[in-house]
């Protein structure tokens, strides 16, 4: 069954919290939207990262002014009744750009992030 537009809006609202957290360098804005066991997987500068989500949250808190200038675009790639996949382009993190994928699940009536996977764009290495 196709999800209703209100569900798309709810997933976008979670992604907007991620953007707000980076812009303000404040992980407490987005932390409630991750499940406790969420993980971060990615490739930055050729190094593969496999970390608990607490690593990402610490990184967000350490951005300072760098986070304020980041540009984002979010697309919802898939959305079913209880699962969603979002793609977020992240540009101008200093001299670095990323492509992020988020897998979310609707748990207890709320959308929560299970996995954040990213790739540092090769032209910004």
C-alpha atoms as a PDB file:
ATOM      1  CA  UNK A   1       0.000   0.000   0.000  1.00  0.00           C
ATOM      2  CA  UNK A   2       1.319   3.435  -0.905  1.00  0.00           C
ATOM      3  CA  UNK A   3       2.009   5.653   2.089  1.00  0.00           C
ATOM      4  CA  UNK A   4      -0.032   8.794   2.554  1.00  0.00           C
ATOM      5  CA  UNK A   5       1.515  12.225   1.982  1.00  0.00           C
ATOM      6  CA  UNK A   6       1.418  12.860   5.718  1.00  0.00           C
ATOM      7  CA  UNK A   7       3.919  10.012   6.134  1.00  0.00           C
ATOM      8  CA  UNK A   8       6.251  11.582   3.561  1.00  0.00           C
ATOM      9  CA  UNK A   9       5.982  14.848   5.464  1.00  0.00           C
ATOM     10  CA  UNK A  10       6.788  13.051   8.728  1.00  0.00           C
ATOM     11  CA  UNK A  11       9.944  11.454   7.262  1.00  0.00           C
ATOM     12  CA  UNK A  12      11.049  14.788   5.785  1.00  0.00           C
ATOM     13  CA  UNK A  13      10.520  16.375   9.217  1.00  0.00           C
ATOM     14  CA  UNK A  14      12.983  13.868  10.722  1.00  0.00           C
ATOM     15  CA  UNK A  15      15.508  14.653   7.990  1.00  0.00           C
ATOM     16  CA  UNK A  16      14.982  18.364   8.646  1.00  0.00           C
ATOM     17  CA  UNK A  17      16.014  17.726  12.270  1.00  0.00           C
ATOM     18  CA  UNK A  18      19.309  16.300  10.972  1.00  0.00           C
ATOM     19  CA  UNK A  19      19.846  19.454   8.902  1.00  0.00           C
ATOM     20  CA  UNK A  20      18.979  21.707  11.840  1.00  0.00           C
ATOM     21  CA  UNK A  21      21.370  19.809  14.119  1.00  0.00           C
ATOM     22  CA  UNK A  22      24.237  20.295  11.679  1.00  0.00           C
ATOM     23  CA  UNK A  23      23.454  23.961  11.068  1.00  0.00           C
ATOM     24  CA  UNK A  24      23.406  24.611  14.823  1.00  0.00           C
ATOM     25  CA  UNK A  25      26.180  22.119  15.727  1.00  0.00           C
ATOM     26  CA  UNK A  26      23.793  20.607  18.287  1.00  0.00           C
ATOM     27  CA  UNK A  27      23.242  16.846  18.213  1.00  0.00           C
ATOM     28  CA  UNK A  28      20.500  17.013  20.854  1.00  0.00           C
ATOM     29  CA  UNK A  29      18.170  18.226  18.085  1.00  0.00           C
ATOM     30  CA  UNK A  30      18.440  14.979  16.102  1.00  0.00           C
ATOM     31  CA  UNK A  31      19.494  12.427  18.749  1.00  0.00           C
ATOM     32  CA  UNK A  32      15.889  11.491  19.709  1.00  0.00           C
ATOM     33  CA  UNK A  33      15.227  10.438  16.095  1.00  0.00           C
ATOM     34  CA  UNK A  34      17.831   7.644  16.137  1.00  0.00           C
ATOM     35  CA  UNK A  35      17.102   4.253  17.668  1.00  0.00           C
ATOM     36  CA  UNK A  36      19.507   3.434  20.490  1.00  0.00           C
ATOM     37  CA  UNK A  37      21.217   0.735  18.423  1.00  0.00           C
ATOM     38  CA  UNK A  38      21.587   2.906  15.275  1.00  0.00           C
ATOM     39  CA  UNK A  39      24.864   2.706  13.403  1.00  0.00           C
ATOM     40  CA  UNK A  40      26.926   4.865  11.080  1.00  0.00           C
ATOM     41  CA  UNK A  41      28.642   3.364   8.042  1.00  0.00           C
ATOM     42  CA  UNK A  42      30.599   5.326   5.503  1.00  0.00           C
ATOM     43  CA  UNK A  43      33.567   6.187   3.386  1.00  0.00           C
ATOM     44  CA  UNK A  44      35.476   9.375   4.127  1.00  0.00           C
ATOM     45  CA  UNK A  45      38.752   9.915   2.349  1.00  0.00           C
ATOM     46  CA  UNK A  46      38.973   6.233   1.475  1.00  0.00           C
ATOM     47  CA  UNK A  47      38.597   5.137   5.098  1.00  0.00           C
ATOM     48  CA  UNK A  48      35.637   2.884   5.849  1.00  0.00           C
ATOM     49  CA  UNK A  49      33.870   3.850   9.057  1.00  0.00           C
ATOM     50  CA  UNK A  50      31.636   1.504  11.055  1.00  0.00           C
ATOM     51  CA  UNK A  51      30.624   3.200  14.287  1.00  0.00           C
ATOM     52  CA  UNK A  52      27.757   3.518  16.753  1.00  0.00           C
ATOM     53  CA  UNK A  53      25.624   6.576  16.096  1.00  0.00           C
ATOM     54  CA  UNK A  54      27.214   8.287  19.126  1.00  0.00           C
ATOM     55  CA  UNK A  55      30.238   8.951  16.881  1.00  0.00           C
ATOM     56  CA  UNK A  56      28.082  10.931  14.463  1.00  0.00           C
ATOM     57  CA  UNK A  57      26.462  12.852  17.309  1.00  0.00           C
ATOM     58  CA  UNK A  58      29.887  13.836  18.695  1.00  0.00           C
ATOM     59  CA  UNK A  59      30.953  14.923  15.209  1.00  0.00           C
ATOM     60  CA  UNK A  60      27.859  17.116  14.876  1.00  0.00           C
ATOM     61  CA  UNK A  61      28.612  18.792  18.207  1.00  0.00           C
ATOM     62  CA  UNK A  62      32.166  19.524  17.058  1.00  0.00           C
ATOM     63  CA  UNK A  63      31.209  21.260  13.803  1.00  0.00           C
ATOM     64  CA  UNK A  64      30.919  24.767  15.205  1.00  0.00           C
ATOM     65  CA  UNK A  65      30.610  27.419  12.485  1.00  0.00           C
ATOM     66  CA  UNK A  66      31.455  24.873   9.770  1.00  0.00           C
ATOM     67  CA  UNK A  67      27.948  23.401  10.013  1.00  0.00           C
ATOM     68  CA  UNK A  68      26.152  26.689   9.427  1.00  0.00           C
ATOM     69  CA  UNK A  69      27.094  26.897   5.745  1.00  0.00           C
ATOM     70  CA  UNK A  70      26.214  23.361   4.692  1.00  0.00           C
ATOM     71  CA  UNK A  71      23.633  23.003   1.909  1.00  0.00           C
ATOM     72  CA  UNK A  72      21.258  20.035   1.821  1.00  0.00           C
ATOM     73  CA  UNK A  73      18.796  18.389  -0.514  1.00  0.00           C
ATOM     74  CA  UNK A  74      16.629  15.518   0.705  1.00  0.00           C
ATOM     75  CA  UNK A  75      14.760  13.004  -1.424  1.00  0.00           C
ATOM     76  CA  UNK A  76      12.539  10.236  -0.115  1.00  0.00           C
ATOM     77  CA  UNK A  77      13.492   7.255  -2.275  1.00  0.00           C
ATOM     78  CA  UNK A  78      11.117   4.692  -0.824  1.00  0.00           C
ATOM     79  CA  UNK A  79       8.322   4.794   1.710  1.00  0.00           C
ATOM     80  CA  UNK A  80       6.052   1.988   2.791  1.00  0.00           C
ATOM     81  CA  UNK A  81       3.825   1.727   5.830  1.00  0.00           C
ATOM     82  CA  UNK A  82       6.648   1.215   8.316  1.00  0.00           C
ATOM     83  CA  UNK A  83       9.942   1.659   6.448  1.00  0.00           C
ATOM     84  CA  UNK A  84      11.541   4.484   4.490  1.00  0.00           C
ATOM     85  CA  UNK A  85      14.785   5.294   2.703  1.00  0.00           C
ATOM     86  CA  UNK A  86      15.946   8.882   2.312  1.00  0.00           C
ATOM     87  CA  UNK A  87      18.871  10.270   0.327  1.00  0.00           C
ATOM     88  CA  UNK A  88      20.432  13.522   1.461  1.00  0.00           C
ATOM     89  CA  UNK A  89      23.009  15.445  -0.534  1.00  0.00           C
ATOM     90  CA  UNK A  90      25.296  17.470   1.707  1.00  0.00           C
ATOM     91  CA  UNK A  91      27.465  20.140   0.109  1.00  0.00           C
ATOM     92  CA  UNK A  92      29.887  22.730   1.389  1.00  0.00           C
ATOM     93  CA  UNK A  93      30.971  21.024   4.617  1.00  0.00           C
ATOM     94  CA  UNK A  94      34.069  23.132   4.355  1.00  0.00           C
ATOM     95  CA  UNK A  95      35.670  21.706   1.212  1.00  0.00           C
ATOM     96  CA  UNK A  96      33.875  18.362   1.525  1.00  0.00           C
ATOM     97  CA  UNK A  97      30.589  17.005   0.158  1.00  0.00           C
ATOM     98  CA  UNK A  98      28.745  13.832   1.100  1.00  0.00           C
ATOM     99  CA  UNK A  99      25.897  11.674  -0.135  1.00  0.00           C
ATOM    100  CA  UNK A 100      23.959  10.226   2.800  1.00  0.00           C
ATOM    101  CA  UNK A 101      21.413   7.420   2.914  1.00  0.00           C
ATOM    102  CA  UNK A 102      19.118   6.916   5.880  1.00  0.00           C
ATOM    103  CA  UNK A 103      16.958   3.884   6.603  1.00  0.00           C
ATOM    104  CA  UNK A 104      14.053   4.703   8.885  1.00  0.00           C
ATOM    105  CA  UNK A 105      11.371   2.595  10.538  1.00  0.00           C
ATOM    106  CA  UNK A 106       8.086   3.648  12.065  1.00  0.00           C
ATOM    107  CA  UNK A 107       8.258   2.481  15.669  1.00  0.00           C
ATOM    108  CA  UNK A 108       5.516   3.267  18.164  1.00  0.00           C
ATOM    109  CA  UNK A 109       3.962   5.683  15.688  1.00  0.00           C
ATOM    110  CA  UNK A 110       7.198   7.686  15.198  1.00  0.00           C
ATOM    111  CA  UNK A 111       9.795   7.593  12.429  1.00  0.00           C
ATOM    112  CA  UNK A 112      13.238   6.625  13.762  1.00  0.00           C
ATOM    113  CA  UNK A 113      16.587   6.334  11.965  1.00  0.00           C
ATOM    114  CA  UNK A 114      18.113   2.844  12.043  1.00  0.00           C
ATOM    115  CA  UNK A 115      21.122   3.332   9.776  1.00  0.00           C
ATOM    116  CA  UNK A 116      23.034   6.289   8.401  1.00  0.00           C
ATOM    117  CA  UNK A 117      25.356   5.377   5.519  1.00  0.00           C
ATOM    118  CA  UNK A 118      27.421   7.931   3.639  1.00  0.00           C
ATOM    119  CA  UNK A 119      30.021   8.427   0.948  1.00  0.00           C
ATOM    120  CA  UNK A 120      32.446  11.350   0.710  1.00  0.00           C
ATOM    121  CA  UNK A 121      32.210  12.564  -2.865  1.00  0.00           C
ATOM    122  CA  UNK A 122      35.452  11.660  -4.650  1.00  0.00           C
ATOM    123  CA  UNK A 123      35.918  15.140  -6.118  1.00  0.00           C
ATOM    124  CA  UNK A 124      36.223  16.487  -2.547  1.00  0.00           C
ATOM    125  CA  UNK A 125      38.911  14.092  -1.310  1.00  0.00           C
END
